[in-house]
Amino acid sequence: MHDHYEIFLFLNGTVNGFVDQYCYPLQRGSVLVFNNQEIHKIINLSPGPYERVTIHFKAELVYPFCTAETNLLACFQNHQPGKQNISHMDEPQLNEYMRLASRLIDALNHPQYGSDVLALTYLVQLLVFINGLYNKSHSPVPSIISALIESAIHYIDNHLHTGLSLEQVSSELAVDKYYLSHLFKQQTGGTLYRYVLLKKIALAKQLLAGGKSVSETCYLAGFNDYANFIRTFKNIAGVSPGKYSRST
C-alpha cells in the first residue's frame, strides 16, 4: 500500500496478483490498477524471475487533465476495493501500450528541454488507453482466494477498530490459528498480522484526511498504545500521522 496510483502490466512468469480480498492468476497481458488505499502484492509462484512494467504516479499530477467528460482516474476510483482491478490486453493492445510506456521511460531517463512536458503527455495518453480498456472489460476474472480466507479478511475489515489478533480471528472462525496463518500467507503473500496493520493504517489515513486528530485516529483505528500507533504509522506511511494530516 502506497500513496501512489499504480498500473501493473504483467508480461512473463508464473505469478498471482493479490489485491485487498481477491487473488487472480496472471497471464501475459494481464493488467492491474491500484489506487492509494488498496493493499496489493504480486506472489511469485516459481523460483525464477517474472517480467512486468509498472507505472506509479500521484493522483494530483493528472487532476488538471481531467474534464467533465473524461475522468482519467475513473478505473482506479470507481470500484470497490479489490473488485474490477484486473483487465487484459491482447497483443496489438500490448504493443500499443508498450510503445507509449517506452516513450515515457525514455523521457524520464533522459531529461532535456521539454522532457517533463512530454512525460506528462505520455502519462495522460496511457491513462486514456487504460480507462478505455477497462470500460470495454465485461468478463470478471474469478478470484482464487478460498472461502476461509475470504471470511478472515471480511472479519478483519469489519473489526479494524478493535485490537485484532491471529487468536481472535481464528477463534471467531473456529479454525486452528496455525492453519489459518499458513493458509493466509500462502494465498495472500503476506502474514495476517501485516494485513491487519496495513488495513489499520489505511483507515487511519482516511480518518486523518477527514479532519480527525491524531489521538482520535489512534483510538478509532484500533490502536491501544499511542506510541505504537505513531511508530507503526511512520514505518508504513513514511511520515508521522501529524505530518500526514497537515499535508492532506
C-alpha atoms as a PDB file:
ATOM      1  CA  MET A   1       0.000   0.000   0.000  1.00  0.00           C
ATOM      2  CA  HIS A   2       1.437   3.360  -1.018  1.00  0.00           C
ATOM      3  CA  ASP A   3       0.325   6.913  -1.748  1.00  0.00           C
ATOM      4  CA  HIS A   4       0.811   6.472  -5.476  1.00  0.00           C
ATOM      5  CA  TYR A   5      -1.640   5.102  -8.005  1.00  0.00           C
ATOM      6  CA  GLU A   6      -0.214   2.156  -9.933  1.00  0.00           C
ATOM      7  CA  ILE A   7      -0.644   0.419 -13.284  1.00  0.00           C
ATOM      8  CA  PHE A   8       0.855  -3.079 -13.250  1.00  0.00           C
ATOM      9  CA  LEU A   9       1.257  -4.842 -16.601  1.00  0.00           C
ATOM     10  CA  PHE A  10       2.322  -8.494 -16.444  1.00  0.00           C
ATOM     11  CA  LEU A  11       4.470  -9.853 -19.277  1.00  0.00           C
ATOM     12  CA  ASN A  12       6.064 -13.191 -18.355  1.00  0.00           C
ATOM     13  CA  GLY A  13       6.403 -15.612 -15.449  1.00  0.00           C
ATOM     14  CA  THR A  14       4.167 -17.569 -13.095  1.00  0.00           C
ATOM     15  CA  VAL A  15       2.509 -15.283 -10.564  1.00  0.00           C
ATOM     16  CA  ASN A  16      -0.729 -14.449  -8.790  1.00  0.00           C
ATOM     17  CA  GLY A  17      -1.864 -10.906  -8.109  1.00  0.00           C
ATOM     18  CA  PHE A  18      -3.427 -10.213  -4.699  1.00  0.00           C
ATOM     19  CA  VAL A  19      -5.452  -7.058  -4.056  1.00  0.00           C
ATOM     20  CA  ASP A  20      -7.395  -6.453  -0.845  1.00  0.00           C
ATOM     21  CA  GLN A  21      -9.542  -9.594  -0.609  1.00  0.00           C
ATOM     22  CA  TYR A  22      -9.095 -11.084  -4.060  1.00  0.00           C
ATOM     23  CA  CYS A  23      -6.345 -13.050  -5.802  1.00  0.00           C
ATOM     24  CA  TYR A  24      -6.002 -13.563  -9.544  1.00  0.00           C
ATOM     25  CA  PRO A  25      -3.747 -15.821 -11.642  1.00  0.00           C
ATOM     26  CA  LEU A  26      -1.956 -13.576 -14.141  1.00  0.00           C
ATOM     27  CA  GLN A  27      -1.109 -14.248 -17.769  1.00  0.00           C
ATOM     28  CA  ARG A  28       0.738 -12.259 -20.415  1.00  0.00           C
ATOM     29  CA  GLY A  29      -1.217  -9.062 -20.961  1.00  0.00           C
ATOM     30  CA  SER A  30      -2.927  -9.051 -17.565  1.00  0.00           C
ATOM     31  CA  VAL A  31      -3.128  -5.517 -16.236  1.00  0.00           C
ATOM     32  CA  LEU A  32      -3.985  -4.483 -12.688  1.00  0.00           C
ATOM     33  CA  VAL A  33      -4.737  -0.980 -11.409  1.00  0.00           C
ATOM     34  CA  PHE A  34      -4.347   0.018  -7.744  1.00  0.00           C
ATOM     35  CA  ASN A  35      -5.389   3.206  -6.003  1.00  0.00           C
ATOM     36  CA  ASN A  36      -3.689   4.584  -2.897  1.00  0.00           C
ATOM     37  CA  GLN A  37      -5.986   2.738  -0.471  1.00  0.00           C
ATOM     38  CA  GLU A  38      -5.661  -0.815  -1.804  1.00  0.00           C
ATOM     39  CA  ILE A  39      -3.330  -3.419  -0.316  1.00  0.00           C
ATOM     40  CA  HIS A  40      -1.725  -5.416  -3.089  1.00  0.00           C
ATOM     41  CA  LYS A  41       1.074  -7.902  -3.632  1.00  0.00           C
ATOM     42  CA  ILE A  42       2.458  -9.948  -6.505  1.00  0.00           C
ATOM     43  CA  ILE A  43       3.047 -13.571  -5.453  1.00  0.00           C
ATOM     44  CA  ASN A  44       5.785 -15.284  -7.461  1.00  0.00           C
ATOM     45  CA  LEU A  45       4.915 -18.988  -7.717  1.00  0.00           C
ATOM     46  CA  SER A  46       8.257 -20.063  -9.171  1.00  0.00           C
ATOM     47  CA  PRO A  47      11.897 -19.660  -8.088  1.00  0.00           C
ATOM     48  CA  GLY A  48      12.666 -17.740 -11.273  1.00  0.00           C
ATOM     49  CA  PRO A  49      12.079 -14.054 -12.024  1.00  0.00           C
ATOM     50  CA  TYR A  50       8.974 -12.591 -13.640  1.00  0.00           C
ATOM     51  CA  GLU A  51       8.687  -9.659 -16.046  1.00  0.00           C
ATOM     52  CA  ARG A  52       6.397  -6.671 -15.650  1.00  0.00           C
ATOM     53  CA  VAL A  53       6.080  -2.969 -16.374  1.00  0.00           C
ATOM     54  CA  THR A  54       4.772  -0.748 -13.581  1.00  0.00           C
ATOM     55  CA  ILE A  55       3.842   2.919 -13.636  1.00  0.00           C
ATOM     56  CA  HIS A  56       3.446   4.881 -10.389  1.00  0.00           C
ATOM     57  CA  PHE A  57       2.036   8.394 -10.232  1.00  0.00           C
ATOM     58  CA  LYS A  58       0.394  10.793  -7.781  1.00  0.00           C
ATOM     59  CA  ALA A  59      -3.278  11.452  -8.499  1.00  0.00           C
ATOM     60  CA  GLU A  60      -2.771  15.210  -8.142  1.00  0.00           C
ATOM     61  CA  LEU A  61      -0.451  15.138 -11.137  1.00  0.00           C
ATOM     62  CA  VAL A  62      -3.304  14.395 -13.551  1.00  0.00           C
ATOM     63  CA  TYR A  63      -6.123  16.427 -11.973  1.00  0.00           C
ATOM     64  CA  PRO A  64      -5.528  19.341 -14.388  1.00  0.00           C
ATOM     65  CA  PHE A  65      -6.057  16.994 -17.345  1.00  0.00           C
ATOM     66  CA  CYS A  66      -9.393  15.591 -16.142  1.00  0.00           C
ATOM     67  CA  THR A  67     -12.584  17.039 -17.610  1.00  0.00           C
ATOM     68  CA  ALA A  68     -16.318  16.636 -17.002  1.00  0.00           C
ATOM     69  CA  GLU A  69     -16.393  14.042 -19.784  1.00  0.00           C
ATOM     70  CA  THR A  70     -13.034  12.370 -19.084  1.00  0.00           C
ATOM     71  CA  ASN A  71     -12.017  11.318 -15.583  1.00  0.00           C
ATOM     72  CA  LEU A  72      -8.550   9.877 -16.058  1.00  0.00           C
ATOM     73  CA  LEU A  73      -8.726   8.266 -12.590  1.00  0.00           C
ATOM     74  CA  ALA A  74     -12.081   6.541 -13.127  1.00  0.00           C
ATOM     75  CA  CYS A  75     -10.731   2.993 -13.413  1.00  0.00           C
ATOM     76  CA  PHE A  76      -8.774   3.472 -10.159  1.00  0.00           C
ATOM     77  CA  GLN A  77     -11.622   5.022  -8.184  1.00  0.00           C
ATOM     78  CA  ASN A  78     -14.939   3.689  -9.465  1.00  0.00           C
ATOM     79  CA  HIS A  79     -14.788   0.225  -7.952  1.00  0.00           C
ATOM     80  CA  GLN A  80     -14.999  -1.452  -4.575  1.00  0.00           C
ATOM     81  CA  PRO A  81     -11.569  -2.275  -3.080  1.00  0.00           C
ATOM     82  CA  GLY A  82     -10.192  -5.361  -4.787  1.00  0.00           C
ATOM     83  CA  LYS A  83     -13.029  -5.615  -7.321  1.00  0.00           C
ATOM     84  CA  GLN A  84     -12.644  -4.931 -11.054  1.00  0.00           C
ATOM     85  CA  ASN A  85      -8.930  -4.208 -10.674  1.00  0.00           C
ATOM     86  CA  ILE A  86      -7.968  -6.582 -13.468  1.00  0.00           C
ATOM     87  CA  SER A  87      -8.297  -6.430 -17.230  1.00  0.00           C
ATOM     88  CA  HIS A  88      -6.441  -7.947 -20.175  1.00  0.00           C
ATOM     89  CA  MET A  89      -4.619  -6.694 -23.273  1.00  0.00           C
ATOM     90  CA  ASP A  90      -4.358  -8.643 -26.494  1.00  0.00           C
ATOM     91  CA  GLU A  91      -1.065  -8.469 -28.402  1.00  0.00           C
ATOM     92  CA  PRO A  92      -1.931  -5.403 -30.553  1.00  0.00           C
ATOM     93  CA  GLN A  93      -3.051  -3.534 -27.408  1.00  0.00           C
ATOM     94  CA  LEU A  94       0.066  -4.705 -25.585  1.00  0.00           C
ATOM     95  CA  ASN A  95       2.271  -3.363 -28.377  1.00  0.00           C
ATOM     96  CA  GLU A  96       0.489  -0.003 -28.332  1.00  0.00           C
ATOM     97  CA  TYR A  97       0.790   0.289 -24.555  1.00  0.00           C
ATOM     98  CA  MET A  98       4.483  -0.654 -24.608  1.00  0.00           C
ATOM     99  CA  ARG A  99       5.138   1.951 -27.322  1.00  0.00           C
ATOM    100  CA  LEU A 100       3.744   4.705 -25.094  1.00  0.00           C
ATOM    101  CA  ALA A 101       5.381   3.312 -21.950  1.00  0.00           C
ATOM    102  CA  SER A 102       8.776   3.204 -23.689  1.00  0.00           C
ATOM    103  CA  ARG A 103       8.432   6.857 -24.655  1.00  0.00           C
ATOM    104  CA  LEU A 104       7.517   7.748 -21.068  1.00  0.00           C
ATOM    105  CA  ILE A 105      10.527   5.833 -19.734  1.00  0.00           C
ATOM    106  CA  ASP A 106      12.822   7.498 -22.252  1.00  0.00           C
ATOM    107  CA  ALA A 107      11.550  10.979 -21.334  1.00  0.00           C
ATOM    108  CA  LEU A 108      12.111  10.287 -17.626  1.00  0.00           C
ATOM    109  CA  ASN A 109      15.549   8.689 -18.070  1.00  0.00           C
ATOM    110  CA  HIS A 110      16.958  11.303 -20.469  1.00  0.00           C
ATOM    111  CA  PRO A 111      15.913  14.718 -19.148  1.00  0.00           C
ATOM    112  CA  GLN A 112      16.323  17.593 -21.552  1.00  0.00           C
ATOM    113  CA  TYR A 113      14.339  20.626 -22.604  1.00  0.00           C
ATOM    114  CA  GLY A 114      10.653  19.691 -22.734  1.00  0.00           C
ATOM    115  CA  SER A 115      11.074  16.141 -21.400  1.00  0.00           C
ATOM    116  CA  ASP A 116       8.909  16.869 -18.334  1.00  0.00           C
ATOM    117  CA  VAL A 117       6.064  18.038 -20.572  1.00  0.00           C
ATOM    118  CA  LEU A 118       6.498  15.041 -22.864  1.00  0.00           C
ATOM    119  CA  ALA A 119       6.444  12.656 -19.888  1.00  0.00           C
ATOM    120  CA  LEU A 120       3.130  14.151 -18.733  1.00  0.00           C
ATOM    121  CA  THR A 121       1.602  13.839 -22.199  1.00  0.00           C
ATOM    122  CA  TYR A 122       2.644  10.174 -22.428  1.00  0.00           C
ATOM    123  CA  LEU A 123       1.178   9.505 -18.963  1.00  0.00           C
ATOM    124  CA  VAL A 124      -2.104  11.134 -19.975  1.00  0.00           C
ATOM    125  CA  GLN A 125      -2.214   9.049 -23.167  1.00  0.00           C
ATOM    126  CA  LEU A 126      -1.564   5.873 -21.149  1.00  0.00           C
ATOM    127  CA  LEU A 127      -4.383   6.752 -18.744  1.00  0.00           C
ATOM    128  CA  VAL A 128      -6.792   7.343 -21.644  1.00  0.00           C
ATOM    129  CA  PHE A 129      -5.711   3.966 -23.034  1.00  0.00           C
ATOM    130  CA  ILE A 130      -6.155   2.150 -19.693  1.00  0.00           C
ATOM    131  CA  ASN A 131      -9.558   3.674 -18.965  1.00  0.00           C
ATOM    132  CA  GLY A 132     -10.705   2.716 -22.443  1.00  0.00           C
ATOM    133  CA  LEU A 133      -9.532  -0.830 -21.806  1.00  0.00           C
ATOM    134  CA  TYR A 134     -11.424  -1.090 -18.509  1.00  0.00           C
ATOM    135  CA  ASN A 135     -14.574   0.450 -19.986  1.00  0.00           C
ATOM    136  CA  LYS A 136     -14.668  -2.373 -22.524  1.00  0.00           C
ATOM    137  CA  SER A 137     -13.938  -5.159 -19.993  1.00  0.00           C
ATOM    138  CA  HIS A 138     -17.111  -7.005 -19.087  1.00  0.00           C
ATOM    139  CA  SER A 139     -15.828 -10.502 -18.224  1.00  0.00           C
ATOM    140  CA  PRO A 140     -14.995 -10.756 -14.500  1.00  0.00           C
ATOM    141  CA  VAL A 141     -11.968 -12.844 -13.575  1.00  0.00           C
ATOM    142  CA  PRO A 142     -12.790 -15.213 -10.685  1.00  0.00           C
ATOM    143  CA  SER A 143     -10.736 -14.877  -7.515  1.00  0.00           C
ATOM    144  CA  ILE A 144      -8.810 -17.916  -6.273  1.00  0.00           C
ATOM    145  CA  ILE A 145      -8.998 -16.934  -2.599  1.00  0.00           C
ATOM    146  CA  SER A 146     -10.609 -19.698  -0.508  1.00  0.00           C
ATOM    147  CA  ALA A 147     -13.852 -19.203   1.411  1.00  0.00           C
ATOM    148  CA  LEU A 148     -11.966 -19.415   4.731  1.00  0.00           C
ATOM    149  CA  ILE A 149      -9.541 -16.616   3.866  1.00  0.00           C
ATOM    150  CA  GLU A 150     -12.402 -14.539   2.436  1.00  0.00           C
ATOM    151  CA  SER A 151     -14.158 -14.917   5.792  1.00  0.00           C
ATOM    152  CA  ALA A 152     -10.990 -13.966   7.682  1.00  0.00           C
ATOM    153  CA  ILE A 153     -10.488 -10.840   5.572  1.00  0.00           C
ATOM    154  CA  HIS A 154     -14.160  -9.887   5.876  1.00  0.00           C
ATOM    155  CA  TYR A 155     -13.959 -10.230   9.667  1.00  0.00           C
ATOM    156  CA  ILE A 156     -10.773  -8.139   9.822  1.00  0.00           C
ATOM    157  CA  ASP A 157     -12.215  -5.405   7.596  1.00  0.00           C
ATOM    158  CA  ASN A 158     -15.259  -5.110   9.844  1.00  0.00           C
ATOM    159  CA  HIS A 159     -13.352  -5.087  13.151  1.00  0.00           C
ATOM    160  CA  LEU A 160     -10.446  -2.726  12.475  1.00  0.00           C
ATOM    161  CA  HIS A 161     -11.486  -0.564  15.441  1.00  0.00           C
ATOM    162  CA  THR A 162     -10.663  -3.449  17.804  1.00  0.00           C
ATOM    163  CA  GLY A 163      -7.263  -4.838  18.800  1.00  0.00           C
ATOM    164  CA  LEU A 164      -7.443  -7.802  16.382  1.00  0.00           C
ATOM    165  CA  SER A 165      -5.051 -10.728  16.612  1.00  0.00           C
ATOM    166  CA  LEU A 166      -4.499 -14.086  14.975  1.00  0.00           C
ATOM    167  CA  GLU A 167      -6.014 -15.744  18.046  1.00  0.00           C
ATOM    168  CA  GLN A 168      -9.117 -13.537  17.866  1.00  0.00           C
ATOM    169  CA  VAL A 169      -9.718 -14.156  14.155  1.00  0.00           C
ATOM    170  CA  SER A 170      -9.083 -17.913  14.349  1.00  0.00           C
ATOM    171  CA  SER A 171     -11.403 -18.206  17.361  1.00  0.00           C
ATOM    172  CA  GLU A 172     -14.157 -16.331  15.548  1.00  0.00           C
ATOM    173  CA  LEU A 173     -13.820 -18.650  12.540  1.00  0.00           C
ATOM    174  CA  ALA A 174     -13.422 -21.774  14.719  1.00  0.00           C
ATOM    175  CA  VAL A 175     -10.199 -22.820  12.992  1.00  0.00           C
ATOM    176  CA  ASP A 176      -6.704 -23.668  14.199  1.00  0.00           C
ATOM    177  CA  LYS A 177      -4.621 -20.480  14.300  1.00  0.00           C
ATOM    178  CA  TYR A 178      -1.536 -22.127  12.795  1.00  0.00           C
ATOM    179  CA  TYR A 179      -3.541 -23.480   9.871  1.00  0.00           C
ATOM    180  CA  LEU A 180      -5.162 -20.069   9.325  1.00  0.00           C
ATOM    181  CA  SER A 181      -1.780 -18.337   9.475  1.00  0.00           C
ATOM    182  CA  HIS A 182      -0.247 -20.746   6.950  1.00  0.00           C
ATOM    183  CA  LEU A 183      -3.193 -20.533   4.533  1.00  0.00           C
ATOM    184  CA  PHE A 184      -3.395 -16.746   4.779  1.00  0.00           C
ATOM    185  CA  LYS A 185       0.260 -16.300   3.855  1.00  0.00           C
ATOM    186  CA  GLN A 186       0.031 -18.895   1.085  1.00  0.00           C
ATOM    187  CA  GLN A 187      -2.935 -17.200  -0.590  1.00  0.00           C
ATOM    188  CA  THR A 188      -2.183 -13.508   0.016  1.00  0.00           C
ATOM    189  CA  GLY A 189       1.610 -13.487   0.012  1.00  0.00           C
ATOM    190  CA  GLY A 190       1.807 -11.855   3.441  1.00  0.00           C
ATOM    191  CA  THR A 191       1.023 -12.548   7.084  1.00  0.00           C
ATOM    192  CA  LEU A 192      -2.334 -11.910   8.716  1.00  0.00           C
ATOM    193  CA  TYR A 193      -0.608  -9.612  11.215  1.00  0.00           C
ATOM    194  CA  ARG A 194       0.849  -7.461   8.413  1.00  0.00           C
ATOM    195  CA  TYR A 195      -2.512  -7.315   6.641  1.00  0.00           C
ATOM    196  CA  VAL A 196      -4.176  -6.074   9.839  1.00  0.00           C
ATOM    197  CA  LEU A 197      -1.543  -3.355  10.272  1.00  0.00           C
ATOM    198  CA  LEU A 198      -1.862  -2.177   6.665  1.00  0.00           C
ATOM    199  CA  LYS A 199      -5.654  -2.030   6.879  1.00  0.00           C
ATOM    200  CA  LYS A 200      -5.497  -0.104  10.151  1.00  0.00           C
ATOM    201  CA  ILE A 201      -3.074   2.415   8.672  1.00  0.00           C
ATOM    202  CA  ALA A 202      -5.271   2.767   5.564  1.00  0.00           C
ATOM    203  CA  LEU A 203      -8.189   3.529   7.901  1.00  0.00           C
ATOM    204  CA  ALA A 204      -6.020   5.958   9.878  1.00  0.00           C
ATOM    205  CA  LYS A 205      -5.132   7.845   6.682  1.00  0.00           C
ATOM    206  CA  GLN A 206      -8.821   8.222   5.841  1.00  0.00           C
ATOM    207  CA  LEU A 207      -9.600   9.481   9.339  1.00  0.00           C
ATOM    208  CA  LEU A 208      -6.743  11.989   9.308  1.00  0.00           C
ATOM    209  CA  ALA A 209      -7.725  13.224   5.852  1.00  0.00           C
ATOM    210  CA  GLY A 210     -11.269  13.640   7.168  1.00  0.00           C
ATOM    211  CA  GLY A 211     -10.120  16.004   9.918  1.00  0.00           C
ATOM    212  CA  LYS A 212      -9.763  13.677  12.913  1.00  0.00           C
ATOM    213  CA  SER A 213      -6.980  14.461  15.365  1.00  0.00           C
ATOM    214  CA  VAL A 214      -4.034  12.096  15.768  1.00  0.00           C
ATOM    215  CA  SER A 215      -5.259  10.949  19.195  1.00  0.00           C
ATOM    216  CA  GLU A 216      -8.805  10.324  17.909  1.00  0.00           C
ATOM    217  CA  THR A 217      -7.419   8.437  14.928  1.00  0.00           C
ATOM    218  CA  CYS A 218      -5.270   6.247  17.164  1.00  0.00           C
ATOM    219  CA  TYR A 219      -8.365   5.133  19.092  1.00  0.00           C
ATOM    220  CA  LEU A 220     -10.725   4.807  16.098  1.00  0.00           C
ATOM    221  CA  ALA A 221      -8.173   2.750  14.126  1.00  0.00           C
ATOM    222  CA  GLY A 222      -7.956   0.208  16.948  1.00  0.00           C
ATOM    223  CA  PHE A 223      -4.526   1.031  18.376  1.00  0.00           C
ATOM    224  CA  ASN A 224      -4.356   0.635  22.140  1.00  0.00           C
ATOM    225  CA  ASP A 225      -0.979   2.312  22.509  1.00  0.00           C
ATOM    226  CA  TYR A 226      -0.381   5.856  21.237  1.00  0.00           C
ATOM    227  CA  ALA A 227       3.399   5.469  20.874  1.00  0.00           C
ATOM    228  CA  ASN A 228       2.924   2.218  18.974  1.00  0.00           C
ATOM    229  CA  PHE A 229       0.452   3.946  16.637  1.00  0.00           C
ATOM    230  CA  ILE A 230       2.905   6.770  15.874  1.00  0.00           C
ATOM    231  CA  ARG A 231       5.732   4.307  15.282  1.00  0.00           C
ATOM    232  CA  THR A 232       3.650   1.950  13.094  1.00  0.00           C
ATOM    233  CA  PHE A 233       2.144   4.754  11.034  1.00  0.00           C
ATOM    234  CA  LYS A 234       5.547   6.275  10.315  1.00  0.00           C
ATOM    235  CA  ASN A 235       7.021   2.867   9.471  1.00  0.00           C
ATOM    236  CA  ILE A 236       4.307   2.128   6.904  1.00  0.00           C
ATOM    237  CA  ALA A 237       3.407   5.596   5.597  1.00  0.00           C
ATOM    238  CA  GLY A 238       6.921   7.065   5.708  1.00  0.00           C
ATOM    239  CA  VAL A 239       5.800  10.135   7.665  1.00  0.00           C
ATOM    240  CA  SER A 240       4.307  10.761  11.099  1.00  0.00           C
ATOM    241  CA  PRO A 241       0.496  10.938  11.360  1.00  0.00           C
ATOM    242  CA  GLY A 242       0.755  14.609  12.310  1.00  0.00           C
ATOM    243  CA  LYS A 243       2.752  15.442   9.191  1.00  0.00           C
ATOM    244  CA  TYR A 244       0.435  13.314   7.046  1.00  0.00           C
ATOM    245  CA  SER A 245      -2.575  15.181   8.436  1.00  0.00           C
ATOM    246  CA  ARG A 246      -1.041  18.560   7.641  1.00  0.00           C
ATOM    247  CA  SER A 247      -0.276  17.512   4.068  1.00  0.00           C
ATOM    248  CA  THR A 248      -3.836  16.432   3.199  1.00  0.00           C
END
